[in-house]
Amino acid sequence: EEVFGPVMSVLRFSDQAEAIRIANDSDYGLAAGVWTQNLRRALDMSDALAAGTVWVNTYRAVSYLAPFGGYKASGIGRENGAEALAAYTQTKTVWLSTACEQPDPFVMR
């Protein structure tokens, strides 16, 4: 069952790779938080964590301009941002060539 918090768990880990394995060992991935003074670690962790939002040295920073939604079993689609519009659209691709070998019978001459 997905827990809505805020919830903070404190677990020991030996290195960054193990911390990522522990954090990603879940069926859910709505949001995650990283607290560090190391910018490289913040970016690496943000990239590796299977979560729709990763807050670094902050919590619950949101904007209607930024998409919000989870990974895995934490929802489908995104709220806010341009990505939210996808739920209201249907994409179609049309390929058209203006080079015709034969005259078009529907064009008046």
N, C-alpha and C. Protein backbone atom coordinates (compact mmCIF):
# COMPACT_ATOMS: atom_id res chain seq x y z
N GLU A 1 0.85 -1.18 0.00
CA GLU A 1 0.00 0.00 0.00
C GLU A 1 0.89 1.24 0.00
N GLU A 2 0.55 2.19 -0.83
CA GLU A 2 1.36 3.41 -0.91
C GLU A 2 1.07 4.29 0.30
N VAL A 3 2.13 4.75 0.93
CA VAL A 3 2.02 5.59 2.11
C VAL A 3 2.22 7.04 1.70
N PHE A 4 1.29 7.90 2.10
CA PHE A 4 1.44 9.33 1.85
C PHE A 4 1.85 9.99 3.14
N GLY A 5 2.84 10.84 3.07
CA GLY A 5 3.48 11.35 4.26
C GLY A 5 3.30 12.81 4.47
N PRO A 6 4.27 13.44 4.97
CA PRO A 6 5.66 13.04 4.79
C PRO A 6 6.08 11.90 5.71
N VAL A 7 6.89 11.03 5.16
CA VAL A 7 7.46 9.91 5.91
C VAL A 7 8.96 9.93 5.66
N MET A 8 9.71 9.75 6.70
CA MET A 8 11.15 9.70 6.55
C MET A 8 11.65 8.43 7.22
N SER A 9 12.38 7.64 6.47
CA SER A 9 12.99 6.46 7.06
C SER A 9 14.49 6.69 7.15
N VAL A 10 15.07 6.21 8.20
CA VAL A 10 16.51 6.35 8.40
C VAL A 10 17.10 4.95 8.35
N LEU A 11 17.90 4.71 7.32
CA LEU A 11 18.51 3.40 7.12
C LEU A 11 20.00 3.57 6.89
N ARG A 12 20.75 2.60 7.34
CA ARG A 12 22.19 2.62 7.09
C ARG A 12 22.47 2.07 5.70
N PHE A 13 23.47 2.63 5.05
CA PHE A 13 23.94 2.11 3.76
C PHE A 13 25.44 2.33 3.69
N SER A 14 26.09 1.49 2.88
CA SER A 14 27.56 1.55 2.83
C SER A 14 28.07 2.52 1.78
N ASP A 15 27.31 2.73 0.71
CA ASP A 15 27.75 3.65 -0.33
C ASP A 15 26.53 4.15 -1.11
N GLN A 16 26.78 5.05 -2.04
CA GLN A 16 25.70 5.67 -2.82
C GLN A 16 24.92 4.62 -3.62
N ALA A 17 25.60 3.66 -4.20
CA ALA A 17 24.93 2.62 -4.98
C ALA A 17 23.95 1.82 -4.12
N GLU A 18 24.34 1.50 -2.90
CA GLU A 18 23.44 0.77 -2.02
C GLU A 18 22.25 1.63 -1.61
N ALA A 19 22.48 2.90 -1.38
CA ALA A 19 21.37 3.81 -1.03
C ALA A 19 20.35 3.86 -2.17
N ILE A 20 20.82 3.89 -3.40
CA ILE A 20 19.91 3.90 -4.55
C ILE A 20 19.16 2.59 -4.65
N ARG A 21 19.84 1.46 -4.45
CA ARG A 21 19.17 0.16 -4.48
C ARG A 21 18.07 0.08 -3.42
N ILE A 22 18.35 0.54 -2.23
CA ILE A 22 17.36 0.51 -1.15
C ILE A 22 16.17 1.40 -1.51
N ALA A 23 16.45 2.60 -1.97
CA ALA A 23 15.37 3.54 -2.29
C ALA A 23 14.51 3.03 -3.44
N ASN A 24 15.11 2.41 -4.44
CA ASN A 24 14.36 1.94 -5.60
C ASN A 24 13.70 0.59 -5.40
N ASP A 25 13.97 -0.06 -4.27
CA ASP A 25 13.38 -1.37 -3.98
C ASP A 25 11.96 -1.19 -3.42
N SER A 26 11.11 -0.63 -4.24
CA SER A 26 9.73 -0.34 -3.85
C SER A 26 8.87 -0.40 -5.11
N ASP A 27 7.60 -0.72 -4.93
CA ASP A 27 6.67 -0.72 -6.06
C ASP A 27 6.22 0.69 -6.40
N TYR A 28 6.59 1.65 -5.59
CA TYR A 28 6.10 3.02 -5.74
C TYR A 28 7.25 3.98 -6.02
N GLY A 29 6.90 5.14 -6.57
CA GLY A 29 7.93 6.12 -6.87
C GLY A 29 7.35 7.49 -7.14
N LEU A 30 6.56 8.00 -6.21
CA LEU A 30 5.97 9.32 -6.41
C LEU A 30 7.03 10.41 -6.24
N ALA A 31 7.73 10.39 -5.12
CA ALA A 31 8.72 11.44 -4.86
C ALA A 31 9.83 10.89 -3.97
N ALA A 32 10.96 11.58 -4.01
CA ALA A 32 12.11 11.19 -3.19
C ALA A 32 12.82 12.45 -2.75
N GLY A 33 13.61 12.32 -1.71
CA GLY A 33 14.39 13.45 -1.22
C GLY A 33 15.83 13.08 -1.02
N VAL A 34 16.71 14.00 -1.35
CA VAL A 34 18.15 13.81 -1.16
C VAL A 34 18.67 15.01 -0.40
N TRP A 35 19.42 14.75 0.66
CA TRP A 35 20.04 15.83 1.44
C TRP A 35 21.54 15.65 1.34
N THR A 36 22.21 16.61 0.73
CA THR A 36 23.65 16.52 0.55
C THR A 36 24.21 17.91 0.26
N GLN A 37 25.50 18.08 0.56
CA GLN A 37 26.20 19.31 0.20
C GLN A 37 26.97 19.12 -1.10
N ASN A 38 26.98 17.89 -1.62
CA ASN A 38 27.76 17.55 -2.80
C ASN A 38 26.86 17.64 -4.04
N LEU A 39 27.10 18.63 -4.90
CA LEU A 39 26.27 18.84 -6.09
C LEU A 39 26.32 17.65 -7.04
N ARG A 40 27.47 17.05 -7.24
CA ARG A 40 27.58 15.88 -8.12
C ARG A 40 26.72 14.75 -7.60
N ARG A 41 26.76 14.50 -6.28
CA ARG A 41 25.94 13.46 -5.67
C ARG A 41 24.46 13.78 -5.84
N ALA A 42 24.07 15.02 -5.67
CA ALA A 42 22.68 15.42 -5.83
C ALA A 42 22.18 15.11 -7.24
N LEU A 43 22.99 15.43 -8.24
CA LEU A 43 22.58 15.17 -9.63
C LEU A 43 22.58 13.68 -9.94
N ASP A 44 23.59 12.95 -9.49
CA ASP A 44 23.64 11.51 -9.73
C ASP A 44 22.47 10.79 -9.07
N MET A 45 22.18 11.15 -7.82
CA MET A 45 21.07 10.53 -7.11
C MET A 45 19.73 10.86 -7.78
N SER A 46 19.55 12.12 -8.16
CA SER A 46 18.31 12.53 -8.81
C SER A 46 18.08 11.74 -10.09
N ASP A 47 19.14 11.49 -10.84
CA ASP A 47 19.04 10.73 -12.07
C ASP A 47 18.72 9.27 -11.79
N ALA A 48 19.32 8.70 -10.75
CA ALA A 48 19.21 7.26 -10.50
C ALA A 48 17.94 6.86 -9.74
N LEU A 49 17.36 7.77 -8.98
CA LEU A 49 16.17 7.42 -8.19
C LEU A 49 14.95 7.26 -9.08
N ALA A 50 14.22 6.18 -8.91
CA ALA A 50 13.01 5.90 -9.70
C ALA A 50 11.83 6.60 -9.04
N ALA A 51 11.78 7.92 -9.21
CA ALA A 51 10.71 8.73 -8.63
C ALA A 51 10.37 9.85 -9.60
N GLY A 52 9.11 10.22 -9.64
CA GLY A 52 8.66 11.27 -10.54
C GLY A 52 9.16 12.65 -10.16
N THR A 53 9.39 12.87 -8.89
CA THR A 53 9.93 14.13 -8.38
C THR A 53 11.03 13.81 -7.40
N VAL A 54 12.14 14.52 -7.50
CA VAL A 54 13.21 14.39 -6.51
C VAL A 54 13.49 15.78 -5.97
N TRP A 55 13.32 15.93 -4.68
CA TRP A 55 13.64 17.19 -4.01
C TRP A 55 15.05 17.07 -3.43
N VAL A 56 15.88 18.06 -3.69
CA VAL A 56 17.24 18.07 -3.16
C VAL A 56 17.36 19.23 -2.19
N ASN A 57 17.63 18.90 -0.94
CA ASN A 57 17.79 19.88 0.14
C ASN A 57 16.57 20.77 0.31
N THR A 58 15.40 20.23 -0.02
CA THR A 58 14.13 20.94 0.16
C THR A 58 13.03 19.91 0.18
N TYR A 59 11.81 20.35 0.43
CA TYR A 59 10.68 19.41 0.47
C TYR A 59 9.43 20.11 -0.04
N ARG A 60 8.69 19.43 -0.87
CA ARG A 60 7.41 19.85 -1.43
C ARG A 60 7.46 21.14 -2.23
N ALA A 61 8.55 21.41 -2.89
CA ALA A 61 8.60 22.53 -3.81
C ALA A 61 7.79 22.12 -5.04
N VAL A 62 6.76 22.90 -5.39
CA VAL A 62 5.89 22.57 -6.52
C VAL A 62 5.57 23.84 -7.31
N SER A 63 5.14 23.65 -8.54
CA SER A 63 4.72 24.75 -9.39
C SER A 63 3.74 24.20 -10.41
N TYR A 64 2.77 24.99 -10.79
CA TYR A 64 1.84 24.55 -11.83
C TYR A 64 2.54 24.43 -13.18
N LEU A 65 3.73 24.98 -13.32
CA LEU A 65 4.49 24.88 -14.56
C LEU A 65 5.28 23.58 -14.67
N ALA A 66 5.51 22.91 -13.55
CA ALA A 66 6.33 21.70 -13.53
C ALA A 66 5.43 20.47 -13.42
N PRO A 67 5.67 19.46 -14.25
CA PRO A 67 4.85 18.25 -14.16
C PRO A 67 5.05 17.54 -12.83
N PHE A 68 3.98 16.91 -12.33
CA PHE A 68 4.05 16.17 -11.09
C PHE A 68 3.32 14.85 -11.27
N GLY A 69 3.98 13.76 -10.95
CA GLY A 69 3.40 12.43 -11.04
C GLY A 69 4.47 11.41 -10.73
N GLY A 70 4.04 10.18 -10.52
CA GLY A 70 4.98 9.17 -10.05
C GLY A 70 5.42 8.17 -11.08
N TYR A 71 6.37 7.36 -10.68
CA TYR A 71 6.85 6.22 -11.46
C TYR A 71 6.20 4.96 -10.89
N LYS A 72 6.32 3.89 -11.62
CA LYS A 72 5.87 2.56 -11.22
C LYS A 72 4.40 2.61 -10.81
N ALA A 73 4.04 2.11 -9.64
CA ALA A 73 2.64 2.04 -9.23
C ALA A 73 2.13 3.34 -8.60
N SER A 74 2.88 4.41 -8.74
CA SER A 74 2.47 5.69 -8.15
C SER A 74 1.76 6.58 -9.17
N GLY A 75 0.89 5.99 -9.95
CA GLY A 75 0.06 6.80 -10.83
C GLY A 75 0.44 6.72 -12.28
N ILE A 76 -0.49 7.23 -13.08
CA ILE A 76 -0.33 7.25 -14.53
C ILE A 76 -0.46 8.69 -14.98
N GLY A 77 0.46 9.14 -15.81
CA GLY A 77 0.37 10.50 -16.33
C GLY A 77 0.95 11.52 -15.38
N ARG A 78 0.75 12.77 -15.75
CA ARG A 78 1.29 13.88 -14.98
C ARG A 78 0.24 14.95 -14.76
N GLU A 79 0.31 15.58 -13.61
CA GLU A 79 -0.48 16.77 -13.32
C GLU A 79 0.43 17.96 -13.56
N ASN A 80 -0.14 19.08 -13.97
CA ASN A 80 0.60 20.33 -14.18
C ASN A 80 1.56 20.25 -15.36
N GLY A 81 2.02 21.40 -15.79
CA GLY A 81 2.96 21.48 -16.89
C GLY A 81 2.35 21.06 -18.22
N ALA A 82 3.14 21.18 -19.27
CA ALA A 82 2.68 20.81 -20.61
C ALA A 82 2.33 19.33 -20.71
N GLU A 83 2.99 18.48 -19.93
CA GLU A 83 2.71 17.04 -19.95
C GLU A 83 1.29 16.72 -19.54
N ALA A 84 0.67 17.54 -18.71
CA ALA A 84 -0.70 17.29 -18.26
C ALA A 84 -1.69 17.39 -19.42
N LEU A 85 -1.37 18.15 -20.44
CA LEU A 85 -2.25 18.31 -21.59
C LEU A 85 -2.36 17.03 -22.41
N ALA A 86 -1.40 16.14 -22.30
CA ALA A 86 -1.40 14.91 -23.08
C ALA A 86 -2.66 14.07 -22.82
N ALA A 87 -3.21 14.14 -21.62
CA ALA A 87 -4.42 13.37 -21.30
C ALA A 87 -5.63 13.88 -22.08
N TYR A 88 -5.56 15.09 -22.60
CA TYR A 88 -6.69 15.69 -23.30
C TYR A 88 -6.46 15.76 -24.81
N THR A 89 -5.41 15.13 -25.29
CA THR A 89 -5.10 15.20 -26.72
C THR A 89 -5.00 13.80 -27.31
N GLN A 90 -5.14 13.74 -28.61
CA GLN A 90 -4.93 12.50 -29.34
C GLN A 90 -4.01 12.84 -30.51
N THR A 91 -2.89 12.19 -30.57
CA THR A 91 -1.88 12.50 -31.58
C THR A 91 -2.17 11.75 -32.87
N LYS A 92 -1.97 12.44 -33.97
CA LYS A 92 -2.09 11.81 -35.29
C LYS A 92 -0.92 12.28 -36.14
N THR A 93 -0.34 11.37 -36.90
CA THR A 93 0.73 11.70 -37.82
C THR A 93 0.20 11.61 -39.24
N VAL A 94 0.48 12.62 -40.03
CA VAL A 94 0.08 12.64 -41.44
C VAL A 94 1.32 12.91 -42.28
N TRP A 95 1.57 12.03 -43.24
CA TRP A 95 2.67 12.23 -44.18
C TRP A 95 2.05 12.65 -45.51
N LEU A 96 2.52 13.75 -46.07
CA LEU A 96 1.96 14.27 -47.30
C LEU A 96 3.08 14.68 -48.23
N SER A 97 2.96 14.26 -49.47
CA SER A 97 3.94 14.66 -50.47
C SER A 97 3.23 15.52 -51.50
N THR A 98 3.84 16.58 -51.92
CA THR A 98 3.24 17.44 -52.94
C THR A 98 3.72 17.07 -54.33
N ALA A 99 4.62 16.10 -54.42
CA ALA A 99 5.10 15.64 -55.73
C ALA A 99 4.19 14.52 -56.21
N CYS A 100 3.45 14.76 -57.30
CA CYS A 100 2.52 13.76 -57.82
C CYS A 100 2.98 13.29 -59.19
N GLU A 101 2.92 11.99 -59.42
CA GLU A 101 3.25 11.42 -60.72
C GLU A 101 2.10 11.63 -61.70
N GLN A 102 0.87 11.52 -61.19
CA GLN A 102 -0.31 11.65 -62.04
C GLN A 102 -1.10 12.87 -61.62
N PRO A 103 -1.83 13.49 -62.55
CA PRO A 103 -2.65 14.63 -62.18
C PRO A 103 -3.75 14.22 -61.21
N ASP A 104 -4.06 15.11 -60.30
CA ASP A 104 -5.13 14.85 -59.33
C ASP A 104 -6.47 15.08 -60.02
N PRO A 105 -7.37 14.08 -60.04
CA PRO A 105 -8.66 14.24 -60.74
C PRO A 105 -9.59 15.25 -60.07
N PHE A 106 -9.28 15.63 -58.83
CA PHE A 106 -10.17 16.55 -58.11
C PHE A 106 -9.73 18.01 -58.23
N VAL A 107 -8.64 18.25 -58.94
CA VAL A 107 -8.16 19.61 -59.11
C VAL A 107 -8.72 20.16 -60.42
N MET A 108 -9.37 21.32 -60.38
CA MET A 108 -9.92 21.94 -61.58
C MET A 108 -8.78 22.54 -62.41
N ARG A 109 -8.85 22.35 -63.72
CA ARG A 109 -7.82 22.89 -64.60
C ARG A 109 -8.40 23.92 -65.50
